[in-house]
């Protein structure tokens, strides 16, 4: 089968349009208008160089989702203090069972630091959210 015929297939075009609509609805629900603009701009630019609308849509989707990221990248440290506290608790328990005072001392110190940091981070996040009008 010829690759050009595959790209001109109307069912593949319908799939591309459905993916584009789903992406646009997702971007709008997230309030990420810049992603909608990147998708539209990339598809428009691709349209200037190709005559195949399916390819244009797929290029727009690729640029907006893969190259631009469109808000999908998260910090990843949302619950980091919880993980640190669990690890410190494990370290403390290991120290107690092994009779290693250094492990116990280190585990307790890390737990206290994580609790302090967690409380401060929550206060800062709440203040930032209130500033942005997300909380009452």
C-alpha atoms as a PDB file:
ATOM      1  CA  UNK A   1       0.000   0.000   0.000  1.00  0.00           C
ATOM      2  CA  UNK A   2       1.257   3.444  -0.882  1.00  0.00           C
ATOM      3  CA  UNK A   3       2.003   5.744   2.088  1.00  0.00           C
ATOM      4  CA  UNK A   4       0.488   8.699   0.239  1.00  0.00           C
ATOM      5  CA  UNK A   5      -2.801   6.799  -0.059  1.00  0.00           C
ATOM      6  CA  UNK A   6      -2.784   6.127   3.667  1.00  0.00           C
ATOM      7  CA  UNK A   7      -2.398   9.833   4.424  1.00  0.00           C
ATOM      8  CA  UNK A   8      -5.288  10.644   2.089  1.00  0.00           C
ATOM      9  CA  UNK A   9      -7.584   8.107   3.739  1.00  0.00           C
ATOM     10  CA  UNK A  10     -10.751   9.806   4.973  1.00  0.00           C
ATOM     11  CA  UNK A  11     -10.954   7.637   8.106  1.00  0.00           C
ATOM     12  CA  UNK A  12      -7.446   8.653   9.151  1.00  0.00           C
ATOM     13  CA  UNK A  13      -8.507  12.262   8.587  1.00  0.00           C
ATOM     14  CA  UNK A  14     -11.538  11.722  10.868  1.00  0.00           C
ATOM     15  CA  UNK A  15      -9.268  10.242  13.543  1.00  0.00           C
ATOM     16  CA  UNK A  16      -6.948  13.239  13.273  1.00  0.00           C
ATOM     17  CA  UNK A  17      -9.862  15.659  13.571  1.00  0.00           C
ATOM     18  CA  UNK A  18     -11.221  13.759  16.592  1.00  0.00           C
ATOM     19  CA  UNK A  19      -7.800  13.899  18.288  1.00  0.00           C
ATOM     20  CA  UNK A  20      -7.541  17.592  17.547  1.00  0.00           C
ATOM     21  CA  UNK A  21     -10.996  18.290  18.986  1.00  0.00           C
ATOM     22  CA  UNK A  22     -10.215  16.283  22.123  1.00  0.00           C
ATOM     23  CA  UNK A  23      -6.955  18.174  22.562  1.00  0.00           C
ATOM     24  CA  UNK A  24      -8.591  21.563  22.058  1.00  0.00           C
ATOM     25  CA  UNK A  25     -11.346  20.719  24.553  1.00  0.00           C
ATOM     26  CA  UNK A  26      -8.698  19.577  27.038  1.00  0.00           C
ATOM     27  CA  UNK A  27      -6.706  22.760  26.597  1.00  0.00           C
ATOM     28  CA  UNK A  28      -9.809  24.909  27.023  1.00  0.00           C
ATOM     29  CA  UNK A  29     -10.853  23.008  30.156  1.00  0.00           C
ATOM     30  CA  UNK A  30      -7.381  23.581  31.600  1.00  0.00           C
ATOM     31  CA  UNK A  31      -7.521  27.225  30.605  1.00  0.00           C
ATOM     32  CA  UNK A  32      -4.437  26.804  28.456  1.00  0.00           C
ATOM     33  CA  UNK A  33      -5.241  29.128  25.590  1.00  0.00           C
ATOM     34  CA  UNK A  34      -1.593  29.318  24.522  1.00  0.00           C
ATOM     35  CA  UNK A  35      -1.741  25.595  23.723  1.00  0.00           C
ATOM     36  CA  UNK A  36      -4.766  26.129  21.493  1.00  0.00           C
ATOM     37  CA  UNK A  37      -2.870  28.912  19.736  1.00  0.00           C
ATOM     38  CA  UNK A  38       0.250  26.749  19.336  1.00  0.00           C
ATOM     39  CA  UNK A  39      -1.834  23.894  17.909  1.00  0.00           C
ATOM     40  CA  UNK A  40      -3.633  26.193  15.486  1.00  0.00           C
ATOM     41  CA  UNK A  41      -0.479  28.072  14.528  1.00  0.00           C
ATOM     42  CA  UNK A  42       1.509  24.908  13.879  1.00  0.00           C
ATOM     43  CA  UNK A  43      -1.320  23.402  11.825  1.00  0.00           C
ATOM     44  CA  UNK A  44      -1.620  26.634   9.844  1.00  0.00           C
ATOM     45  CA  UNK A  45       2.126  26.770   9.168  1.00  0.00           C
ATOM     46  CA  UNK A  46       2.116  23.116   8.136  1.00  0.00           C
ATOM     47  CA  UNK A  47      -0.782  23.911   5.785  1.00  0.00           C
ATOM     48  CA  UNK A  48       1.432  26.444   4.044  1.00  0.00           C
ATOM     49  CA  UNK A  49       3.918  23.692   3.146  1.00  0.00           C
ATOM     50  CA  UNK A  50       1.687  20.666   2.512  1.00  0.00           C
ATOM     51  CA  UNK A  51      -1.593  20.034   0.734  1.00  0.00           C
ATOM     52  CA  UNK A  52      -2.652  17.216   3.037  1.00  0.00           C
ATOM     53  CA  UNK A  53      -4.933  18.329   5.891  1.00  0.00           C
ATOM     54  CA  UNK A  54      -4.322  15.107   7.866  1.00  0.00           C
ATOM     55  CA  UNK A  55      -0.593  15.787   7.940  1.00  0.00           C
ATOM     56  CA  UNK A  56      -1.255  19.382   8.978  1.00  0.00           C
ATOM     57  CA  UNK A  57      -3.336  18.275  11.944  1.00  0.00           C
ATOM     58  CA  UNK A  58      -0.808  15.660  13.042  1.00  0.00           C
ATOM     59  CA  UNK A  59       2.015  18.218  12.821  1.00  0.00           C
ATOM     60  CA  UNK A  60      -0.025  20.642  14.923  1.00  0.00           C
ATOM     61  CA  UNK A  61      -0.703  17.930  17.506  1.00  0.00           C
ATOM     62  CA  UNK A  62       2.964  16.929  17.558  1.00  0.00           C
ATOM     63  CA  UNK A  63       4.204  20.480  18.048  1.00  0.00           C
ATOM     64  CA  UNK A  64       1.671  21.376  20.740  1.00  0.00           C
ATOM     65  CA  UNK A  65       1.936  18.130  22.738  1.00  0.00           C
ATOM     66  CA  UNK A  66       5.536  17.040  22.299  1.00  0.00           C
ATOM     67  CA  UNK A  67       7.606  20.108  21.525  1.00  0.00           C
ATOM     68  CA  UNK A  68       5.654  22.777  23.430  1.00  0.00           C
ATOM     69  CA  UNK A  69       4.527  20.561  26.321  1.00  0.00           C
ATOM     70  CA  UNK A  70       1.274  22.441  26.856  1.00  0.00           C
ATOM     71  CA  UNK A  71       1.111  22.340  30.618  1.00  0.00           C
ATOM     72  CA  UNK A  72       1.554  18.597  30.857  1.00  0.00           C
ATOM     73  CA  UNK A  73       4.860  18.991  32.660  1.00  0.00           C
ATOM     74  CA  UNK A  74       4.416  18.957  36.392  1.00  0.00           C
ATOM     75  CA  UNK A  75       6.858  19.806  39.108  1.00  0.00           C
ATOM     76  CA  UNK A  76       6.752  16.277  40.445  1.00  0.00           C
ATOM     77  CA  UNK A  77       7.491  17.223  44.028  1.00  0.00           C
ATOM     78  CA  UNK A  78       3.883  17.605  45.122  1.00  0.00           C
ATOM     79  CA  UNK A  79       4.117  14.934  47.826  1.00  0.00           C
ATOM     80  CA  UNK A  80       7.867  14.856  48.235  1.00  0.00           C
ATOM     81  CA  UNK A  81       7.746  15.678  51.943  1.00  0.00           C
ATOM     82  CA  UNK A  82       5.466  12.685  52.543  1.00  0.00           C
ATOM     83  CA  UNK A  83       7.939  10.385  50.826  1.00  0.00           C
ATOM     84  CA  UNK A  84      10.825  11.861  52.815  1.00  0.00           C
ATOM     85  CA  UNK A  85       8.906  11.370  56.056  1.00  0.00           C
ATOM     86  CA  UNK A  86       8.178   7.709  55.199  1.00  0.00           C
ATOM     87  CA  UNK A  87      11.824   7.082  54.320  1.00  0.00           C
ATOM     88  CA  UNK A  88      12.976   8.782  57.525  1.00  0.00           C
ATOM     89  CA  UNK A  89      10.533   6.688  59.554  1.00  0.00           C
ATOM     90  CA  UNK A  90      11.923   3.539  57.935  1.00  0.00           C
ATOM     91  CA  UNK A  91      15.457   4.688  58.717  1.00  0.00           C
ATOM     92  CA  UNK A  92      14.495   5.335  62.342  1.00  0.00           C
ATOM     93  CA  UNK A  93      12.908   1.890  62.694  1.00  0.00           C
ATOM     94  CA  UNK A  94      15.950   0.218  61.123  1.00  0.00           C
ATOM     95  CA  UNK A  95      18.184   2.095  63.538  1.00  0.00           C
ATOM     96  CA  UNK A  96      16.115   0.955  66.513  1.00  0.00           C
ATOM     97  CA  UNK A  97      16.142  -2.692  65.443  1.00  0.00           C
ATOM     98  CA  UNK A  98      19.868  -2.620  64.669  1.00  0.00           C
ATOM     99  CA  UNK A  99      20.725  -0.620  67.772  1.00  0.00           C
ATOM    100  CA  UNK A 100      22.360   2.096  65.644  1.00  0.00           C
ATOM    101  CA  UNK A 101      21.927   5.431  67.428  1.00  0.00           C
ATOM    102  CA  UNK A 102      23.231   7.398  64.429  1.00  0.00           C
ATOM    103  CA  UNK A 103      20.492   6.016  62.173  1.00  0.00           C
ATOM    104  CA  UNK A 104      17.841   6.802  64.772  1.00  0.00           C
ATOM    105  CA  UNK A 105      19.145  10.336  65.255  1.00  0.00           C
ATOM    106  CA  UNK A 106      19.357  10.956  61.499  1.00  0.00           C
ATOM    107  CA  UNK A 107      15.873   9.534  60.883  1.00  0.00           C
ATOM    108  CA  UNK A 108      14.309  11.690  63.613  1.00  0.00           C
ATOM    109  CA  UNK A 109      16.087  14.835  62.358  1.00  0.00           C
ATOM    110  CA  UNK A 110      14.958  14.230  58.772  1.00  0.00           C
ATOM    111  CA  UNK A 111      11.366  13.603  59.891  1.00  0.00           C
ATOM    112  CA  UNK A 112      11.292  16.870  61.821  1.00  0.00           C
ATOM    113  CA  UNK A 113      12.772  18.806  58.905  1.00  0.00           C
ATOM    114  CA  UNK A 114      10.268  17.277  56.471  1.00  0.00           C
ATOM    115  CA  UNK A 115       7.321  18.142  58.723  1.00  0.00           C
ATOM    116  CA  UNK A 116       8.547  21.714  59.089  1.00  0.00           C
ATOM    117  CA  UNK A 117       9.112  22.070  55.346  1.00  0.00           C
ATOM    118  CA  UNK A 118       5.743  20.467  54.548  1.00  0.00           C
ATOM    119  CA  UNK A 119       3.879  22.890  56.800  1.00  0.00           C
ATOM    120  CA  UNK A 120       5.704  25.912  55.355  1.00  0.00           C
ATOM    121  CA  UNK A 121       5.123  24.763  51.785  1.00  0.00           C
ATOM    122  CA  UNK A 122       1.391  24.277  52.414  1.00  0.00           C
ATOM    123  CA  UNK A 123       1.130  27.795  53.843  1.00  0.00           C
ATOM    124  CA  UNK A 124       2.944  29.259  50.825  1.00  0.00           C
ATOM    125  CA  UNK A 125       0.785  27.336  48.347  1.00  0.00           C
ATOM    126  CA  UNK A 126      -2.416  28.447  50.103  1.00  0.00           C
ATOM    127  CA  UNK A 127      -1.264  32.075  50.098  1.00  0.00           C
ATOM    128  CA  UNK A 128      -0.391  31.908  46.401  1.00  0.00           C
ATOM    129  CA  UNK A 129      -3.753  30.312  45.610  1.00  0.00           C
ATOM    130  CA  UNK A 130      -5.588  33.031  47.531  1.00  0.00           C
ATOM    131  CA  UNK A 131      -3.682  35.682  45.603  1.00  0.00           C
ATOM    132  CA  UNK A 132      -4.766  34.117  42.339  1.00  0.00           C
ATOM    133  CA  UNK A 133      -8.371  33.915  43.550  1.00  0.00           C
ATOM    134  CA  UNK A 134      -8.506  30.125  43.608  1.00  0.00           C
ATOM    135  CA  UNK A 135      -9.478  29.936  47.283  1.00  0.00           C
ATOM    136  CA  UNK A 136     -11.835  32.049  49.355  1.00  0.00           C
END
